[in-house]
Amino acid sequence: MATHKSAEKRARQNEKRNIRNASLRSSIKTGMKTVLTAVEGKEKEGAVASLHRMIPAIARAAAKGAFHKKTASRRIARLTKKVNALA
């Protein structure tokens, strides 16, 4: 438990950031599932549209610290590879 002022503030900040990051990660996972569902259904237009929405969203989440930048890059690459395989 925090016993001095700066540690208490740090605990409050960590709690807020944890909630924000969890929300970001959850929305990214949901968006990735929409892309993968479209790929599995062989819906090229839907998959491409979903992918174009997800790439900046994943990059933004990495910029805010919800993901490591290499994790974001890997996820974008894997989604793009699957969508491109439809062609």
PDB file of N, CA and C in Angstrom:
ATOM      1  N   MET A   1       0.845  -1.181   0.000  1.00  0.00           N
ATOM      2  CA  MET A   1       0.000   0.000   0.000  1.00  0.00           C
ATOM      3  C   MET A   1       0.887   1.240   0.000  1.00  0.00           C
ATOM      4  N   ALA A   2       0.457   2.257  -0.744  1.00  0.00           N
ATOM      5  CA  ALA A   2       1.227   3.492  -0.827  1.00  0.00           C
ATOM      6  C   ALA A   2       1.198   4.214   0.513  1.00  0.00           C
ATOM      7  N   THR A   3       2.373   4.712   0.930  1.00  0.00           N
ATOM      8  CA  THR A   3       2.430   5.361   2.243  1.00  0.00           C
ATOM      9  C   THR A   3       2.814   6.824   2.165  1.00  0.00           C
ATOM     10  N   HIS A   4       3.227   7.315   1.012  1.00  0.00           N
ATOM     11  CA  HIS A   4       3.498   8.754   0.910  1.00  0.00           C
ATOM     12  C   HIS A   4       2.837   9.310  -0.341  1.00  0.00           C
ATOM     13  N   LYS A   5       2.793  10.645  -0.397  1.00  0.00           N
ATOM     14  CA  LYS A   5       1.981  11.339  -1.380  1.00  0.00           C
ATOM     15  C   LYS A   5       2.287  10.934  -2.816  1.00  0.00           C
ATOM     16  N   SER A   6       3.551  10.888  -3.178  1.00  0.00           N
ATOM     17  CA  SER A   6       3.908  10.589  -4.568  1.00  0.00           C
ATOM     18  C   SER A   6       3.553   9.145  -4.937  1.00  0.00           C
ATOM     19  N   ALA A   7       3.674   8.228  -3.977  1.00  0.00           N
ATOM     20  CA  ALA A   7       3.314   6.833  -4.237  1.00  0.00           C
ATOM     21  C   ALA A   7       1.806   6.681  -4.394  1.00  0.00           C
ATOM     22  N   GLU A   8       1.035   7.452  -3.618  1.00  0.00           N
ATOM     23  CA  GLU A   8      -0.423   7.418  -3.745  1.00  0.00           C
ATOM     24  C   GLU A   8      -0.853   7.942  -5.111  1.00  0.00           C
ATOM     25  N   LYS A   9      -0.202   9.035  -5.556  1.00  0.00           N
ATOM     26  CA  LYS A   9      -0.513   9.594  -6.871  1.00  0.00           C
ATOM     27  C   LYS A   9      -0.162   8.585  -7.972  1.00  0.00           C
ATOM     28  N   ARG A  10       0.988   7.968  -7.839  1.00  0.00           N
ATOM     29  CA  ARG A  10       1.418   6.973  -8.828  1.00  0.00           C
ATOM     30  C   ARG A  10       0.415   5.821  -8.904  1.00  0.00           C
ATOM     31  N   ALA A  11      -0.102   5.397  -7.764  1.00  0.00           N
ATOM     32  CA  ALA A  11      -1.091   4.313  -7.740  1.00  0.00           C
ATOM     33  C   ALA A  11      -2.375   4.732  -8.453  1.00  0.00           C
ATOM     34  N   ARG A  12      -2.814   5.988  -8.225  1.00  0.00           N
ATOM     35  CA  ARG A  12      -4.003   6.494  -8.914  1.00  0.00           C
ATOM     36  C   ARG A  12      -3.789   6.537 -10.419  1.00  0.00           C
ATOM     37  N   GLN A  13      -2.626   7.019 -10.843  1.00  0.00           N
ATOM     38  CA  GLN A  13      -2.320   7.109 -12.276  1.00  0.00           C
ATOM     39  C   GLN A  13      -2.298   5.721 -12.911  1.00  0.00           C
ATOM     40  N   ASN A  14      -1.664   4.773 -12.219  1.00  0.00           N
ATOM     41  CA  ASN A  14      -1.581   3.412 -12.747  1.00  0.00           C
ATOM     42  C   ASN A  14      -2.969   2.797 -12.924  1.00  0.00           C
ATOM     43  N   GLU A  15      -3.850   3.071 -11.967  1.00  0.00           N
ATOM     44  CA  GLU A  15      -5.205   2.533 -12.041  1.00  0.00           C
ATOM     45  C   GLU A  15      -5.943   3.082 -13.260  1.00  0.00           C
ATOM     46  N   LYS A  16      -5.845   4.402 -13.481  1.00  0.00           N
ATOM     47  CA  LYS A  16      -6.498   5.036 -14.637  1.00  0.00           C
ATOM     48  C   LYS A  16      -5.941   4.482 -15.943  1.00  0.00           C
ATOM     49  N   ARG A  17      -4.643   4.356 -16.015  1.00  0.00           N
ATOM     50  CA  ARG A  17      -4.004   3.879 -17.248  1.00  0.00           C
ATOM     51  C   ARG A  17      -4.345   2.420 -17.514  1.00  0.00           C
ATOM     52  N   ASN A  18      -4.426   1.633 -16.444  1.00  0.00           N
ATOM     53  CA  ASN A  18      -4.772   0.222 -16.586  1.00  0.00           C
ATOM     54  C   ASN A  18      -6.164   0.075 -17.187  1.00  0.00           C
ATOM     55  N   ILE A  19      -7.106   0.879 -16.715  1.00  0.00           N
ATOM     56  CA  ILE A  19      -8.474   0.834 -17.235  1.00  0.00           C
ATOM     57  C   ILE A  19      -8.502   1.261 -18.699  1.00  0.00           C
ATOM     58  N   ARG A  20      -7.801   2.349 -19.024  1.00  0.00           N
ATOM     59  CA  ARG A  20      -7.778   2.857 -20.399  1.00  0.00           C
ATOM     60  C   ARG A  20      -7.130   1.831 -21.341  1.00  0.00           C
ATOM     61  N   ASN A  21      -6.003   1.257 -20.910  1.00  0.00           N
ATOM     62  CA  ASN A  21      -5.304   0.289 -21.757  1.00  0.00           C
ATOM     63  C   ASN A  21      -6.136  -0.975 -21.958  1.00  0.00           C
ATOM     64  N   ALA A  22      -6.819  -1.422 -20.916  1.00  0.00           N
ATOM     65  CA  ALA A  22      -7.654  -2.621 -21.028  1.00  0.00           C
ATOM     66  C   ALA A  22      -8.773  -2.382 -22.037  1.00  0.00           C
ATOM     67  N   SER A  23      -9.358  -1.203 -21.994  1.00  0.00           N
ATOM     68  CA  SER A  23     -10.421  -0.853 -22.932  1.00  0.00           C
ATOM     69  C   SER A  23      -9.899  -0.820 -24.366  1.00  0.00           C
ATOM     70  N   LEU A  24      -8.730  -0.217 -24.554  1.00  0.00           N
ATOM     71  CA  LEU A  24      -8.118  -0.148 -25.885  1.00  0.00           C
ATOM     72  C   LEU A  24      -7.809  -1.546 -26.413  1.00  0.00           C
ATOM     73  N   ARG A  25      -7.197  -2.373 -25.577  1.00  0.00           N
ATOM     74  CA  ARG A  25      -6.848  -3.731 -26.000  1.00  0.00           C
ATOM     75  C   ARG A  25      -8.092  -4.530 -26.377  1.00  0.00           C
ATOM     76  N   SER A  26      -9.150  -4.360 -25.601  1.00  0.00           N
ATOM     77  CA  SER A  26     -10.394  -5.077 -25.861  1.00  0.00           C
ATOM     78  C   SER A  26     -10.992  -4.657 -27.201  1.00  0.00           C
ATOM     79  N   SER A  27     -11.025  -3.357 -27.476  1.00  0.00           N
ATOM     80  CA  SER A  27     -11.600  -2.892 -28.741  1.00  0.00           C
ATOM     81  C   SER A  27     -10.754  -3.342 -29.925  1.00  0.00           C
ATOM     82  N   ILE A  28      -9.445  -3.406 -29.745  1.00  0.00           N
ATOM     83  CA  ILE A  28      -8.558  -3.877 -30.811  1.00  0.00           C
ATOM     84  C   ILE A  28      -8.834  -5.354 -31.095  1.00  0.00           C
ATOM     85  N   LYS A  29      -8.981  -6.149 -30.035  1.00  0.00           N
ATOM     86  CA  LYS A  29      -9.266  -7.572 -30.221  1.00  0.00           C
ATOM     87  C   LYS A  29     -10.581  -7.768 -30.970  1.00  0.00           C
ATOM     88  N   THR A  30     -11.593  -6.987 -30.617  1.00  0.00           N
ATOM     89  CA  THR A  30     -12.893  -7.082 -31.283  1.00  0.00           C
ATOM     90  C   THR A  30     -12.754  -6.733 -32.759  1.00  0.00           C
ATOM     91  N   GLY A  31     -12.014  -5.671 -33.047  1.00  0.00           N
ATOM     92  CA  GLY A  31     -11.810  -5.275 -34.441  1.00  0.00           C
ATOM     93  C   GLY A  31     -11.054  -6.317 -35.233  1.00  0.00           C
ATOM     94  N   MET A  32     -10.075  -6.941 -34.600  1.00  0.00           N
ATOM     95  CA  MET A  32      -9.315  -7.989 -35.276  1.00  0.00           C
ATOM     96  C   MET A  32     -10.219  -9.175 -35.590  1.00  0.00           C
ATOM     97  N   LYS A  33     -11.147  -9.482 -34.685  1.00  0.00           N
ATOM     98  CA  LYS A  33     -12.074 -10.583 -34.923  1.00  0.00           C
ATOM     99  C   LYS A  33     -12.972 -10.286 -36.117  1.00  0.00           C
ATOM    100  N   THR A  34     -13.378  -9.027 -36.305  1.00  0.00           N
ATOM    101  CA  THR A  34     -14.216  -8.691 -37.464  1.00  0.00           C
ATOM    102  C   THR A  34     -13.448  -8.913 -38.762  1.00  0.00           C
ATOM    103  N   VAL A  35     -12.164  -8.561 -38.770  1.00  0.00           N
ATOM    104  CA  VAL A  35     -11.335  -8.794 -39.963  1.00  0.00           C
ATOM    105  C   VAL A  35     -11.218 -10.291 -40.215  1.00  0.00           C
ATOM    106  N   LEU A  36     -10.909 -11.057 -39.179  1.00  0.00           N
ATOM    107  CA  LEU A  36     -10.721 -12.500 -39.336  1.00  0.00           C
ATOM    108  C   LEU A  36     -12.014 -13.199 -39.751  1.00  0.00           C
ATOM    109  N   THR A  37     -13.144 -12.736 -39.238  1.00  0.00           N
ATOM    110  CA  THR A  37     -14.434 -13.314 -39.620  1.00  0.00           C
ATOM    111  C   THR A  37     -14.708 -13.074 -41.101  1.00  0.00           C
ATOM    112  N   ALA A  38     -14.401 -11.854 -41.569  1.00  0.00           N
ATOM    113  CA  ALA A  38     -14.590 -11.535 -42.985  1.00  0.00           C
ATOM    114  C   ALA A  38     -13.661 -12.384 -43.857  1.00  0.00           C
ATOM    115  N   VAL A  39     -12.435 -12.613 -43.380  1.00  0.00           N
ATOM    116  CA  VAL A  39     -11.478 -13.440 -44.133  1.00  0.00           C
ATOM    117  C   VAL A  39     -11.987 -14.874 -44.218  1.00  0.00           C
ATOM    118  N   GLU A  40     -12.464 -15.404 -43.096  1.00  0.00           N
ATOM    119  CA  GLU A  40     -12.963 -16.784 -43.084  1.00  0.00           C
ATOM    120  C   GLU A  40     -14.195 -16.935 -43.970  1.00  0.00           C
ATOM    121  N   GLY A  41     -15.016 -15.865 -44.063  1.00  0.00           N
ATOM    122  CA  GLY A  41     -16.203 -15.890 -44.917  1.00  0.00           C
ATOM    123  C   GLY A  41     -15.893 -15.557 -46.360  1.00  0.00           C
ATOM    124  N   LYS A  42     -14.630 -15.341 -46.672  1.00  0.00           N
ATOM    125  CA  LYS A  42     -14.162 -15.013 -48.026  1.00  0.00           C
ATOM    126  C   LYS A  42     -14.797 -13.728 -48.564  1.00  0.00           C
ATOM    127  N   GLU A  43     -15.080 -12.766 -47.668  1.00  0.00           N
ATOM    128  CA  GLU A  43     -15.640 -11.468 -48.059  1.00  0.00           C
ATOM    129  C   GLU A  43     -14.489 -10.485 -48.241  1.00  0.00           C
ATOM    130  N   LYS A  44     -13.984 -10.367 -49.449  1.00  0.00           N
ATOM    131  CA  LYS A  44     -12.805  -9.550 -49.692  1.00  0.00           C
ATOM    132  C   LYS A  44     -13.055  -8.078 -49.372  1.00  0.00           C
ATOM    133  N   GLU A  45     -14.174  -7.516 -49.844  1.00  0.00           N
ATOM    134  CA  GLU A  45     -14.449  -6.096 -49.622  1.00  0.00           C
ATOM    135  C   GLU A  45     -14.590  -5.778 -48.125  1.00  0.00           C
ATOM    136  N   GLY A  46     -15.319  -6.648 -47.419  1.00  0.00           N
ATOM    137  CA  GLY A  46     -15.507  -6.450 -45.981  1.00  0.00           C
ATOM    138  C   GLY A  46     -14.203  -6.574 -45.215  1.00  0.00           C
ATOM    139  N   ALA A  47     -13.380  -7.537 -45.621  1.00  0.00           N
ATOM    140  CA  ALA A  47     -12.095  -7.740 -44.947  1.00  0.00           C
ATOM    141  C   ALA A  47     -11.171  -6.549 -45.162  1.00  0.00           C
ATOM    142  N   VAL A  48     -11.140  -6.048 -46.404  1.00  0.00           N
ATOM    143  CA  VAL A  48     -10.270  -4.901 -46.720  1.00  0.00           C
ATOM    144  C   VAL A  48     -10.741  -3.660 -45.963  1.00  0.00           C
ATOM    145  N   ALA A  49     -12.055  -3.440 -45.925  1.00  0.00           N
ATOM    146  CA  ALA A  49     -12.595  -2.272 -45.215  1.00  0.00           C
ATOM    147  C   ALA A  49     -12.278  -2.353 -43.719  1.00  0.00           C
ATOM    148  N   SER A  50     -12.472  -3.529 -43.145  1.00  0.00           N
ATOM    149  CA  SER A  50     -12.182  -3.716 -41.720  1.00  0.00           C
ATOM    150  C   SER A  50     -10.693  -3.524 -41.438  1.00  0.00           C
ATOM    151  N   LEU A  51      -9.863  -4.051 -42.341  1.00  0.00           N
ATOM    152  CA  LEU A  51      -8.416  -3.918 -42.173  1.00  0.00           C
ATOM    153  C   LEU A  51      -7.994  -2.452 -42.202  1.00  0.00           C
ATOM    154  N   HIS A  52      -8.565  -1.675 -43.124  1.00  0.00           N
ATOM    155  CA  HIS A  52      -8.202  -0.264 -43.229  1.00  0.00           C
ATOM    156  C   HIS A  52      -8.635   0.532 -41.996  1.00  0.00           C
ATOM    157  N   ARG A  53      -9.678   0.058 -41.315  1.00  0.00           N
ATOM    158  CA  ARG A  53     -10.067   0.695 -40.048  1.00  0.00           C
ATOM    159  C   ARG A  53      -9.141   0.276 -38.913  1.00  0.00           C
ATOM    160  N   MET A  54      -8.690  -0.984 -38.951  1.00  0.00           N
ATOM    161  CA  MET A  54      -7.912  -1.525 -37.831  1.00  0.00           C
ATOM    162  C   MET A  54      -6.453  -1.072 -37.815  1.00  0.00           C
ATOM    163  N   ILE A  55      -5.839  -0.892 -38.970  1.00  0.00           N
ATOM    164  CA  ILE A  55      -4.415  -0.534 -38.996  1.00  0.00           C
ATOM    165  C   ILE A  55      -4.140   0.738 -38.197  1.00  0.00           C
ATOM    166  N   PRO A  56      -4.848   1.846 -38.461  1.00  0.00           N
ATOM    167  CA  PRO A  56      -4.574   3.040 -37.639  1.00  0.00           C
ATOM    168  C   PRO A  56      -4.967   2.866 -36.172  1.00  0.00           C
ATOM    169  N   ALA A  57      -6.001   2.079 -35.912  1.00  0.00           N
ATOM    170  CA  ALA A  57      -6.432   1.864 -34.526  1.00  0.00           C
ATOM    171  C   ALA A  57      -5.358   1.115 -33.738  1.00  0.00           C
ATOM    172  N   ILE A  58      -4.764   0.094 -34.357  1.00  0.00           N
ATOM    173  CA  ILE A  58      -3.704  -0.669 -33.691  1.00  0.00           C
ATOM    174  C   ILE A  58      -2.482   0.221 -33.478  1.00  0.00           C
ATOM    175  N   ALA A  59      -2.152   1.020 -34.482  1.00  0.00           N
ATOM    176  CA  ALA A  59      -1.000   1.924 -34.372  1.00  0.00           C
ATOM    177  C   ALA A  59      -1.215   2.954 -33.264  1.00  0.00           C
ATOM    178  N   ARG A  60      -2.446   3.469 -33.157  1.00  0.00           N
ATOM    179  CA  ARG A  60      -2.759   4.437 -32.101  1.00  0.00           C
ATOM    180  C   ARG A  60      -2.636   3.806 -30.722  1.00  0.00           C
ATOM    181  N   ALA A  61      -3.122   2.572 -30.590  1.00  0.00           N
ATOM    182  CA  ALA A  61      -3.043   1.870 -29.302  1.00  0.00           C
ATOM    183  C   ALA A  61      -1.579   1.680 -28.905  1.00  0.00           C
ATOM    184  N   ALA A  62      -0.720   1.374 -29.876  1.00  0.00           N
ATOM    185  CA  ALA A  62       0.710   1.211 -29.588  1.00  0.00           C
ATOM    186  C   ALA A  62       1.326   2.545 -29.191  1.00  0.00           C
ATOM    187  N   ALA A  63       0.916   3.613 -29.855  1.00  0.00           N
ATOM    188  CA  ALA A  63       1.457   4.938 -29.541  1.00  0.00           C
ATOM    189  C   ALA A  63       1.074   5.370 -28.128  1.00  0.00           C
ATOM    190  N   LYS A  64      -0.102   4.942 -27.673  1.00  0.00           N
ATOM    191  CA  LYS A  64      -0.559   5.298 -26.327  1.00  0.00           C
ATOM    192  C   LYS A  64      -0.029   4.353 -25.257  1.00  0.00           C
ATOM    193  N   GLY A  65       0.635   3.266 -25.686  1.00  0.00           N
ATOM    194  CA  GLY A  65       1.264   2.374 -24.719  1.00  0.00           C
ATOM    195  C   GLY A  65       0.445   1.155 -24.340  1.00  0.00           C
ATOM    196  N   ALA A  66      -0.671   0.919 -25.017  1.00  0.00           N
ATOM    197  CA  ALA A  66      -1.480  -0.249 -24.707  1.00  0.00           C
ATOM    198  C   ALA A  66      -0.797  -1.521 -25.204  1.00  0.00           C
ATOM    199  N   PHE A  67      -0.032  -1.393 -26.298  1.00  0.00           N
ATOM    200  CA  PHE A  67       0.754  -2.492 -26.860  1.00  0.00           C
ATOM    201  C   PHE A  67       2.174  -2.004 -27.061  1.00  0.00           C
ATOM    202  N   HIS A  68       3.097  -2.934 -27.129  1.00  0.00           N
ATOM    203  CA  HIS A  68       4.454  -2.599 -27.556  1.00  0.00           C
ATOM    204  C   HIS A  68       4.397  -2.360 -29.059  1.00  0.00           C
ATOM    205  N   LYS A  69       5.272  -1.498 -29.580  1.00  0.00           N
ATOM    206  CA  LYS A  69       5.184  -1.159 -31.007  1.00  0.00           C
ATOM    207  C   LYS A  69       5.452  -2.365 -31.902  1.00  0.00           C
ATOM    208  N   LYS A  70       6.296  -3.281 -31.456  1.00  0.00           N
ATOM    209  CA  LYS A  70       6.557  -4.470 -32.273  1.00  0.00           C
ATOM    210  C   LYS A  70       5.369  -5.431 -32.245  1.00  0.00           C
ATOM    211  N   THR A  71       4.646  -5.470 -31.142  1.00  0.00           N
ATOM    212  CA  THR A  71       3.434  -6.283 -31.069  1.00  0.00           C
ATOM    213  C   THR A  71       2.410  -5.737 -32.054  1.00  0.00           C
ATOM    214  N   ALA A  72       2.261  -4.420 -32.084  1.00  0.00           N
ATOM    215  CA  ALA A  72       1.319  -3.788 -33.006  1.00  0.00           C
ATOM    216  C   ALA A  72       1.714  -4.076 -34.446  1.00  0.00           C
ATOM    217  N   SER A  73       2.990  -3.951 -34.735  1.00  0.00           N
ATOM    218  CA  SER A  73       3.487  -4.196 -36.077  1.00  0.00           C
ATOM    219  C   SER A  73       3.219  -5.643 -36.503  1.00  0.00           C
ATOM    220  N   ARG A  74       3.446  -6.569 -35.597  1.00  0.00           N
ATOM    221  CA  ARG A  74       3.226  -7.989 -35.880  1.00  0.00           C
ATOM    222  C   ARG A  74       1.744  -8.266 -36.157  1.00  0.00           C
ATOM    223  N   ARG A  75       0.875  -7.682 -35.370  1.00  0.00           N
ATOM    224  CA  ARG A  75      -0.560  -7.903 -35.558  1.00  0.00           C
ATOM    225  C   ARG A  75      -1.033  -7.333 -36.894  1.00  0.00           C
ATOM    226  N   ILE A  76      -0.551  -6.137 -37.219  1.00  0.00           N
ATOM    227  CA  ILE A  76      -0.911  -5.526 -38.498  1.00  0.00           C
ATOM    228  C   ILE A  76      -0.424  -6.402 -39.651  1.00  0.00           C
ATOM    229  N   ALA A  77       0.820  -6.880 -39.555  1.00  0.00           N
ATOM    230  CA  ALA A  77       1.391  -7.703 -40.623  1.00  0.00           C
ATOM    231  C   ALA A  77       0.599  -8.992 -40.809  1.00  0.00           C
ATOM    232  N   ARG A  78       0.222  -9.636 -39.720  1.00  0.00           N
ATOM    233  CA  ARG A  78      -0.501 -10.903 -39.821  1.00  0.00           C
ATOM    234  C   ARG A  78      -1.897 -10.711 -40.406  1.00  0.00           C
ATOM    235  N   LEU A  79      -2.575  -9.643 -39.989  1.00  0.00           N
ATOM    236  CA  LEU A  79      -3.902  -9.369 -40.552  1.00  0.00           C
ATOM    237  C   LEU A  79      -3.799  -9.060 -42.041  1.00  0.00           C
ATOM    238  N   THR A  80      -2.822  -8.232 -42.404  1.00  0.00           N
ATOM    239  CA  THR A  80      -2.639  -7.847 -43.804  1.00  0.00           C
ATOM    240  C   THR A  80      -2.338  -9.074 -44.658  1.00  0.00           C
ATOM    241  N   LYS A  81      -1.511  -9.956 -44.145  1.00  0.00           N
ATOM    242  CA  LYS A  81      -1.145 -11.176 -44.868  1.00  0.00           C
ATOM    243  C   LYS A  81      -2.376 -12.038 -45.144  1.00  0.00           C
ATOM    244  N   LYS A  82      -3.262 -12.161 -44.147  1.00  0.00           N
ATOM    245  CA  LYS A  82      -4.458 -12.965 -44.318  1.00  0.00           C
ATOM    246  C   LYS A  82      -5.425 -12.336 -45.312  1.00  0.00           C
ATOM    247  N   VAL A  83      -5.557 -11.009 -45.261  1.00  0.00           N
ATOM    248  CA  VAL A  83      -6.460 -10.322 -46.193  1.00  0.00           C
ATOM    249  C   VAL A  83      -5.918 -10.418 -47.616  1.00  0.00           C
ATOM    250  N   ASN A  84      -4.611 -10.242 -47.772  1.00  0.00           N
ATOM    251  CA  ASN A  84      -3.995 -10.326 -49.099  1.00  0.00           C
ATOM    252  C   ASN A  84      -4.091 -11.725 -49.683  1.00  0.00           C
ATOM    253  N   ALA A  85      -4.164 -12.740 -48.830  1.00  0.00           N
ATOM    254  CA  ALA A  85      -4.272 -14.120 -49.302  1.00  0.00           C
ATOM    255  C   ALA A  85      -5.610 -14.385 -49.982  1.00  0.00           C
ATOM    256  N   LEU A  86      -6.619 -13.528 -49.729  1.00  0.00           N
ATOM    257  CA  LEU A  86      -7.913 -13.683 -50.370  1.00  0.00           C
ATOM    258  C   LEU A  86      -7.837 -13.421 -51.880  1.00  0.00           C
ATOM    259  N   ALA A  87      -6.896 -12.585 -52.269  1.00  0.00           N
ATOM    260  CA  ALA A  87      -6.769 -12.220 -53.696  1.00  0.00           C
ATOM    261  C   ALA A  87      -6.131 -13.348 -54.460  1.00  0.00           C
TER     262      ALA A  87
END
